[in-house]
Amino acid sequence: MGQDSSRPEFWDARFRDGVTPWDAGAAPAKLADWLRGKPPGRVLIPGCGTGYEVRLFAEHGHDVLAIDFSDAALEAARSKLGSLGGRVRKADFFRLEEAPFDLVYERAFLCALPRSLWPDWGRRMAELVRPGGELAGFFYLDDNERGPPFGISRAGLKTLLEDAFDLTEDQPVPRAQSIAVFQGKEIWQVWERKL
């Protein structure tokens, strides 16, 4: 059970041991640029980890909910977020009842899930994002056998999302703006939920 990334204990151990190579220490510059001029909406950040993006969304006027199922991740997020710590709570992405959202933000969540859960992730995204809403964020492209992080191909991502979403933005992430563990293998995409 200690090596099963679908279990909170796996992530608790990583946060408590300080083994968090996905932690960039700040919200990505690309996200900050993208949010400029976007109207405020209801945002979900699944698998929020330390939750740097919570502050960025809140500063742009969004009603943001960040969730994680790891107690250690939640402790880290609340510690970093101070007065915004109330926007973070323990919840299971696959059982969350607060849908729909205008936007679901992705960063190192899909690649943290075992591949066997990816079809469920795709179906759940379609349920969580309102028609006309968006799934936006960073996706890790790789064909690695082991993980996490578990890489996906562009074709694999399309298969998970194309029934319910249309791809509206697709850009490489410059190496200098990427998390070291993802450098050269990260893309920014925005998917709009079909009406």
C-alpha atoms as a PDB file:
ATOM      1  CA  MET A   1       0.000   0.000   0.000  1.00  0.00           C
ATOM      2  CA  GLY A   2       2.946   2.369   0.589  1.00  0.00           C
ATOM      3  CA  GLN A   3       3.644   2.628  -3.168  1.00  0.00           C
ATOM      4  CA  ASP A   4       0.047   3.170  -4.311  1.00  0.00           C
ATOM      5  CA  SER A   5      -0.392   6.785  -5.437  1.00  0.00           C
ATOM      6  CA  SER A   6      -4.176   6.370  -5.363  1.00  0.00           C
ATOM      7  CA  ARG A   7      -3.955   6.293  -1.544  1.00  0.00           C
ATOM      8  CA  PRO A   8      -3.585   9.357   0.709  1.00  0.00           C
ATOM      9  CA  GLU A   9      -0.881   7.603   2.755  1.00  0.00           C
ATOM     10  CA  PHE A  10       1.435   7.668  -0.271  1.00  0.00           C
ATOM     11  CA  TRP A  11       1.206  11.476  -0.481  1.00  0.00           C
ATOM     12  CA  ASP A  12       1.238  11.984   3.291  1.00  0.00           C
ATOM     13  CA  ALA A  13       4.654  10.285   3.402  1.00  0.00           C
ATOM     14  CA  ARG A  14       6.020  12.444   0.578  1.00  0.00           C
ATOM     15  CA  PHE A  15       4.888  15.721   2.113  1.00  0.00           C
ATOM     16  CA  ARG A  16       6.054  14.778   5.593  1.00  0.00           C
ATOM     17  CA  ASP A  17       9.443  13.629   4.262  1.00  0.00           C
ATOM     18  CA  GLY A  18       9.834  16.724   2.069  1.00  0.00           C
ATOM     19  CA  VAL A  19       9.945  14.645  -1.132  1.00  0.00           C
ATOM     20  CA  THR A  20       7.943  17.056  -3.309  1.00  0.00           C
ATOM     21  CA  PRO A  21       9.827  17.624  -6.584  1.00  0.00           C
ATOM     22  CA  TRP A  22       6.580  18.835  -8.208  1.00  0.00           C
ATOM     23  CA  ASP A  23       6.401  21.796  -5.798  1.00  0.00           C
ATOM     24  CA  ALA A  24       7.445  24.869  -7.789  1.00  0.00           C
ATOM     25  CA  GLY A  25       7.315  27.198  -4.778  1.00  0.00           C
ATOM     26  CA  ALA A  26       4.915  29.568  -6.551  1.00  0.00           C
ATOM     27  CA  ALA A  27       2.034  29.715  -8.999  1.00  0.00           C
ATOM     28  CA  PRO A  28       3.153  29.404 -12.640  1.00  0.00           C
ATOM     29  CA  ALA A  29       3.699  32.627 -14.603  1.00  0.00           C
ATOM     30  CA  LYS A  30       1.700  31.166 -17.507  1.00  0.00           C
ATOM     31  CA  LEU A  31      -1.364  30.820 -15.275  1.00  0.00           C
ATOM     32  CA  ALA A  32      -1.018  34.400 -14.020  1.00  0.00           C
ATOM     33  CA  ASP A  33      -0.820  35.673 -17.610  1.00  0.00           C
ATOM     34  CA  TRP A  34      -3.818  33.585 -18.672  1.00  0.00           C
ATOM     35  CA  LEU A  35      -5.974  34.827 -15.786  1.00  0.00           C
ATOM     36  CA  ARG A  36      -5.539  38.505 -16.713  1.00  0.00           C
ATOM     37  CA  GLY A  37      -8.838  39.706 -18.100  1.00  0.00           C
ATOM     38  CA  LYS A  38     -10.698  36.453 -17.410  1.00  0.00           C
ATOM     39  CA  PRO A  39     -14.024  37.058 -15.668  1.00  0.00           C
ATOM     40  CA  PRO A  40     -14.216  35.680 -12.130  1.00  0.00           C
ATOM     41  CA  GLY A  41     -15.860  32.307 -11.741  1.00  0.00           C
ATOM     42  CA  ARG A  42     -16.143  29.230  -9.597  1.00  0.00           C
ATOM     43  CA  VAL A  43     -12.829  27.313  -9.676  1.00  0.00           C
ATOM     44  CA  LEU A  44     -11.788  23.856  -8.491  1.00  0.00           C
ATOM     45  CA  ILE A  45      -8.163  22.875  -7.911  1.00  0.00           C
ATOM     46  CA  PRO A  46      -8.015  19.093  -7.402  1.00  0.00           C
ATOM     47  CA  GLY A  47      -4.964  17.540  -5.781  1.00  0.00           C
ATOM     48  CA  CYS A  48      -3.925  21.030  -4.715  1.00  0.00           C
ATOM     49  CA  GLY A  49      -0.814  20.043  -2.772  1.00  0.00           C
ATOM     50  CA  THR A  50       0.713  23.188  -1.283  1.00  0.00           C
ATOM     51  CA  GLY A  51      -1.911  25.283  -3.047  1.00  0.00           C
ATOM     52  CA  TYR A  52       0.039  28.285  -4.355  1.00  0.00           C
ATOM     53  CA  GLU A  53      -2.538  28.776  -7.107  1.00  0.00           C
ATOM     54  CA  VAL A  54      -5.327  29.345  -4.556  1.00  0.00           C
ATOM     55  CA  ARG A  55      -3.932  32.790  -3.754  1.00  0.00           C
ATOM     56  CA  LEU A  56      -3.565  33.668  -7.441  1.00  0.00           C
ATOM     57  CA  PHE A  57      -7.159  32.720  -8.276  1.00  0.00           C
ATOM     58  CA  ALA A  58      -8.473  34.545  -5.190  1.00  0.00           C
ATOM     59  CA  GLU A  59      -6.495  37.701  -6.102  1.00  0.00           C
ATOM     60  CA  HIS A  60      -8.216  37.631  -9.501  1.00  0.00           C
ATOM     61  CA  GLY A  61     -11.639  37.520  -7.838  1.00  0.00           C
ATOM     62  CA  HIS A  62     -12.424  33.834  -8.347  1.00  0.00           C
ATOM     63  CA  ASP A  63     -14.402  31.739  -5.878  1.00  0.00           C
ATOM     64  CA  VAL A  64     -11.819  28.990  -5.521  1.00  0.00           C
ATOM     65  CA  LEU A  65     -12.061  25.609  -3.809  1.00  0.00           C
ATOM     66  CA  ALA A  66      -8.877  23.553  -3.513  1.00  0.00           C
ATOM     67  CA  ILE A  67      -9.080  19.912  -2.483  1.00  0.00           C
ATOM     68  CA  ASP A  68      -6.681  17.164  -1.570  1.00  0.00           C
ATOM     69  CA  PHE A  69      -7.092  13.829   0.198  1.00  0.00           C
ATOM     70  CA  SER A  70      -3.698  13.964   1.894  1.00  0.00           C
ATOM     71  CA  ASP A  71      -3.730  15.445   5.393  1.00  0.00           C
ATOM     72  CA  ALA A  72      -0.052  16.381   5.085  1.00  0.00           C
ATOM     73  CA  ALA A  73      -0.706  18.245   1.809  1.00  0.00           C
ATOM     74  CA  LEU A  74      -3.600  20.104   3.416  1.00  0.00           C
ATOM     75  CA  GLU A  75      -1.402  21.089   6.367  1.00  0.00           C
ATOM     76  CA  ALA A  76       1.230  22.423   3.956  1.00  0.00           C
ATOM     77  CA  ALA A  77      -1.362  24.375   1.963  1.00  0.00           C
ATOM     78  CA  ARG A  78      -2.991  25.922   5.026  1.00  0.00           C
ATOM     79  CA  SER A  79       0.429  26.880   6.352  1.00  0.00           C
ATOM     80  CA  LYS A  80       1.332  28.657   3.088  1.00  0.00           C
ATOM     81  CA  LEU A  81      -2.083  30.256   2.504  1.00  0.00           C
ATOM     82  CA  GLY A  82      -2.744  31.811   5.908  1.00  0.00           C
ATOM     83  CA  SER A  83      -6.088  33.638   5.765  1.00  0.00           C
ATOM     84  CA  LEU A  84      -6.973  31.811   2.527  1.00  0.00           C
ATOM     85  CA  GLY A  85      -6.539  28.416   4.220  1.00  0.00           C
ATOM     86  CA  GLY A  86     -10.310  28.084   4.481  1.00  0.00           C
ATOM     87  CA  ARG A  87     -10.445  27.665   0.700  1.00  0.00           C
ATOM     88  CA  VAL A  88      -8.660  24.315   1.074  1.00  0.00           C
ATOM     89  CA  ARG A  89     -10.378  21.195   2.316  1.00  0.00           C
ATOM     90  CA  LYS A  90     -10.120  17.455   2.457  1.00  0.00           C
ATOM     91  CA  ALA A  91     -12.138  15.791  -0.289  1.00  0.00           C
ATOM     92  CA  ASP A  92     -12.012  12.996  -2.822  1.00  0.00           C
ATOM     93  CA  PHE A  93     -12.049  14.283  -6.411  1.00  0.00           C
ATOM     94  CA  PHE A  94     -14.093  11.301  -7.543  1.00  0.00           C
ATOM     95  CA  ARG A  95     -16.821  11.896  -4.936  1.00  0.00           C
ATOM     96  CA  LEU A  96     -16.955  15.696  -4.786  1.00  0.00           C
ATOM     97  CA  GLU A  97     -20.564  16.945  -4.767  1.00  0.00           C
ATOM     98  CA  GLU A  98     -20.120  20.697  -5.352  1.00  0.00           C
ATOM     99  CA  ALA A  99     -20.292  20.600  -9.163  1.00  0.00           C
ATOM    100  CA  PRO A 100     -20.487  22.297 -11.540  1.00  0.00           C
ATOM    101  CA  PHE A 101     -17.509  24.630 -11.786  1.00  0.00           C
ATOM    102  CA  ASP A 102     -16.690  27.307 -14.358  1.00  0.00           C
ATOM    103  CA  LEU A 103     -13.072  26.140 -14.380  1.00  0.00           C
ATOM    104  CA  VAL A 104     -11.100  23.168 -13.154  1.00  0.00           C
ATOM    105  CA  TYR A 105      -7.365  23.822 -12.949  1.00  0.00           C
ATOM    106  CA  GLU A 106      -4.874  21.020 -13.622  1.00  0.00           C
ATOM    107  CA  ARG A 107      -1.276  20.914 -12.405  1.00  0.00           C
ATOM    108  CA  ALA A 108       0.385  17.621 -11.522  1.00  0.00           C
ATOM    109  CA  PHE A 109      -2.941  15.964 -10.619  1.00  0.00           C
ATOM    110  CA  LEU A 110      -3.582  13.684 -13.591  1.00  0.00           C
ATOM    111  CA  CYS A 111       0.052  12.535 -13.635  1.00  0.00           C
ATOM    112  CA  ALA A 112      -0.196  11.688  -9.928  1.00  0.00           C
ATOM    113  CA  LEU A 113      -3.036   9.237 -10.568  1.00  0.00           C
ATOM    114  CA  PRO A 114      -2.374   5.634 -11.562  1.00  0.00           C
ATOM    115  CA  ARG A 115      -3.194   5.159 -15.249  1.00  0.00           C
ATOM    116  CA  SER A 116      -6.017   2.767 -14.326  1.00  0.00           C
ATOM    117  CA  LEU A 117      -7.917   5.783 -12.924  1.00  0.00           C
ATOM    118  CA  TRP A 118      -7.528   7.985 -16.008  1.00  0.00           C
ATOM    119  CA  PRO A 119     -10.832   7.016 -17.691  1.00  0.00           C
ATOM    120  CA  ASP A 120     -12.607   7.843 -14.405  1.00  0.00           C
ATOM    121  CA  TRP A 121     -10.716  11.168 -14.300  1.00  0.00           C
ATOM    122  CA  GLY A 122     -11.961  12.030 -17.798  1.00  0.00           C
ATOM    123  CA  ARG A 123     -15.573  11.165 -16.961  1.00  0.00           C
ATOM    124  CA  ARG A 124     -15.364  13.079 -13.690  1.00  0.00           C
ATOM    125  CA  MET A 125     -14.017  16.196 -15.428  1.00  0.00           C
ATOM    126  CA  ALA A 126     -17.021  16.134 -17.747  1.00  0.00           C
ATOM    127  CA  GLU A 127     -19.286  16.083 -14.681  1.00  0.00           C
ATOM    128  CA  LEU A 128     -17.419  18.802 -12.782  1.00  0.00           C
ATOM    129  CA  VAL A 129     -17.056  21.402 -15.538  1.00  0.00           C
ATOM    130  CA  ARG A 130     -20.268  23.175 -16.534  1.00  0.00           C
ATOM    131  CA  PRO A 131     -21.175  23.317 -20.232  1.00  0.00           C
ATOM    132  CA  GLY A 132     -19.163  26.194 -21.695  1.00  0.00           C
ATOM    133  CA  GLY A 133     -16.732  26.010 -18.764  1.00  0.00           C
ATOM    134  CA  GLU A 134     -13.068  25.084 -18.999  1.00  0.00           C
ATOM    135  CA  LEU A 135     -10.486  22.584 -17.906  1.00  0.00           C
ATOM    136  CA  ALA A 136      -7.177  24.445 -18.063  1.00  0.00           C
ATOM    137  CA  GLY A 137      -3.668  23.769 -16.959  1.00  0.00           C
ATOM    138  CA  PHE A 138      -0.455  21.858 -17.367  1.00  0.00           C
ATOM    139  CA  PHE A 139      -0.183  18.289 -18.585  1.00  0.00           C
ATOM    140  CA  TYR A 140       2.848  16.013 -18.389  1.00  0.00           C
ATOM    141  CA  LEU A 141       3.677  14.273 -21.671  1.00  0.00           C
ATOM    142  CA  ASP A 142       5.864  11.197 -21.369  1.00  0.00           C
ATOM    143  CA  ASP A 143       5.858   7.489 -22.138  1.00  0.00           C
ATOM    144  CA  ASN A 144       7.514   6.453 -18.891  1.00  0.00           C
ATOM    145  CA  GLU A 145       6.553   3.047 -17.509  1.00  0.00           C
ATOM    146  CA  ARG A 146       6.795   3.965 -13.853  1.00  0.00           C
ATOM    147  CA  GLY A 147       5.521   6.847 -11.809  1.00  0.00           C
ATOM    148  CA  PRO A 148       4.316   9.022 -10.381  1.00  0.00           C
ATOM    149  CA  PRO A 149       4.546  11.154 -12.318  1.00  0.00           C
ATOM    150  CA  PHE A 150       2.728   9.075 -14.910  1.00  0.00           C
ATOM    151  CA  GLY A 151       3.127  10.643 -18.337  1.00  0.00           C
ATOM    152  CA  ILE A 152       0.449  10.675 -21.001  1.00  0.00           C
ATOM    153  CA  SER A 153       0.556  11.202 -24.766  1.00  0.00           C
ATOM    154  CA  ARG A 154      -1.325  13.943 -26.594  1.00  0.00           C
ATOM    155  CA  ALA A 155      -3.433  11.228 -28.218  1.00  0.00           C
ATOM    156  CA  GLY A 156      -4.143   9.651 -24.838  1.00  0.00           C
ATOM    157  CA  LEU A 157      -5.242  12.982 -23.380  1.00  0.00           C
ATOM    158  CA  LYS A 158      -7.458  13.619 -26.388  1.00  0.00           C
ATOM    159  CA  THR A 159      -9.078  10.209 -25.941  1.00  0.00           C
ATOM    160  CA  LEU A 160      -9.878  10.992 -22.300  1.00  0.00           C
ATOM    161  CA  LEU A 161     -11.468  14.365 -23.068  1.00  0.00           C
ATOM    162  CA  GLU A 162     -12.694  14.631 -26.662  1.00  0.00           C
ATOM    163  CA  ASP A 163     -16.212  13.275 -26.062  1.00  0.00           C
ATOM    164  CA  ALA A 164     -17.059  16.140 -23.679  1.00  0.00           C
ATOM    165  CA  PHE A 165     -14.480  18.855 -24.446  1.00  0.00           C
ATOM    166  CA  ASP A 166     -13.005  20.815 -27.350  1.00  0.00           C
ATOM    167  CA  LEU A 167      -9.313  21.752 -27.227  1.00  0.00           C
ATOM    168  CA  THR A 168      -8.991  25.556 -27.520  1.00  0.00           C
ATOM    169  CA  GLU A 169      -5.359  26.186 -26.477  1.00  0.00           C
ATOM    170  CA  ASP A 170      -2.285  23.985 -26.799  1.00  0.00           C
ATOM    171  CA  GLN A 171       1.189  25.398 -26.133  1.00  0.00           C
ATOM    172  CA  PRO A 172       4.520  24.028 -25.001  1.00  0.00           C
ATOM    173  CA  VAL A 173       5.750  25.244 -21.640  1.00  0.00           C
ATOM    174  CA  PRO A 174       9.197  26.860 -21.918  1.00  0.00           C
ATOM    175  CA  ARG A 175      11.812  24.897 -19.983  1.00  0.00           C
ATOM    176  CA  ALA A 176      12.558  27.918 -17.778  1.00  0.00           C
ATOM    177  CA  GLN A 177       8.900  28.070 -16.687  1.00  0.00           C
ATOM    178  CA  SER A 178       8.494  24.368 -16.007  1.00  0.00           C
ATOM    179  CA  ILE A 179       8.979  22.346 -12.851  1.00  0.00           C
ATOM    180  CA  ALA A 180      12.421  20.690 -13.063  1.00  0.00           C
ATOM    181  CA  VAL A 181      10.994  17.154 -13.006  1.00  0.00           C
ATOM    182  CA  PHE A 182       8.684  18.042 -15.939  1.00  0.00           C
ATOM    183  CA  GLN A 183      11.068  20.180 -18.041  1.00  0.00           C
ATOM    184  CA  GLY A 184      10.662  19.665 -21.757  1.00  0.00           C
ATOM    185  CA  LYS A 185       7.640  17.417 -21.217  1.00  0.00           C
ATOM    186  CA  GLU A 186       4.972  19.842 -20.059  1.00  0.00           C
ATOM    187  CA  ILE A 187       2.250  21.497 -22.135  1.00  0.00           C
ATOM    188  CA  TRP A 188      -0.386  24.117 -21.369  1.00  0.00           C
ATOM    189  CA  GLN A 189      -3.850  23.234 -22.632  1.00  0.00           C
ATOM    190  CA  VAL A 190      -7.344  24.635 -22.298  1.00  0.00           C
ATOM    191  CA  TRP A 191     -10.352  22.405 -22.967  1.00  0.00           C
ATOM    192  CA  GLU A 192     -13.836  23.904 -23.286  1.00  0.00           C
ATOM    193  CA  ARG A 193     -16.762  21.807 -22.094  1.00  0.00           C
ATOM    194  CA  LYS A 194     -19.153  21.146 -24.944  1.00  0.00           C
ATOM    195  CA  LEU A 195     -22.656  22.662 -24.655  1.00  0.00           C
END
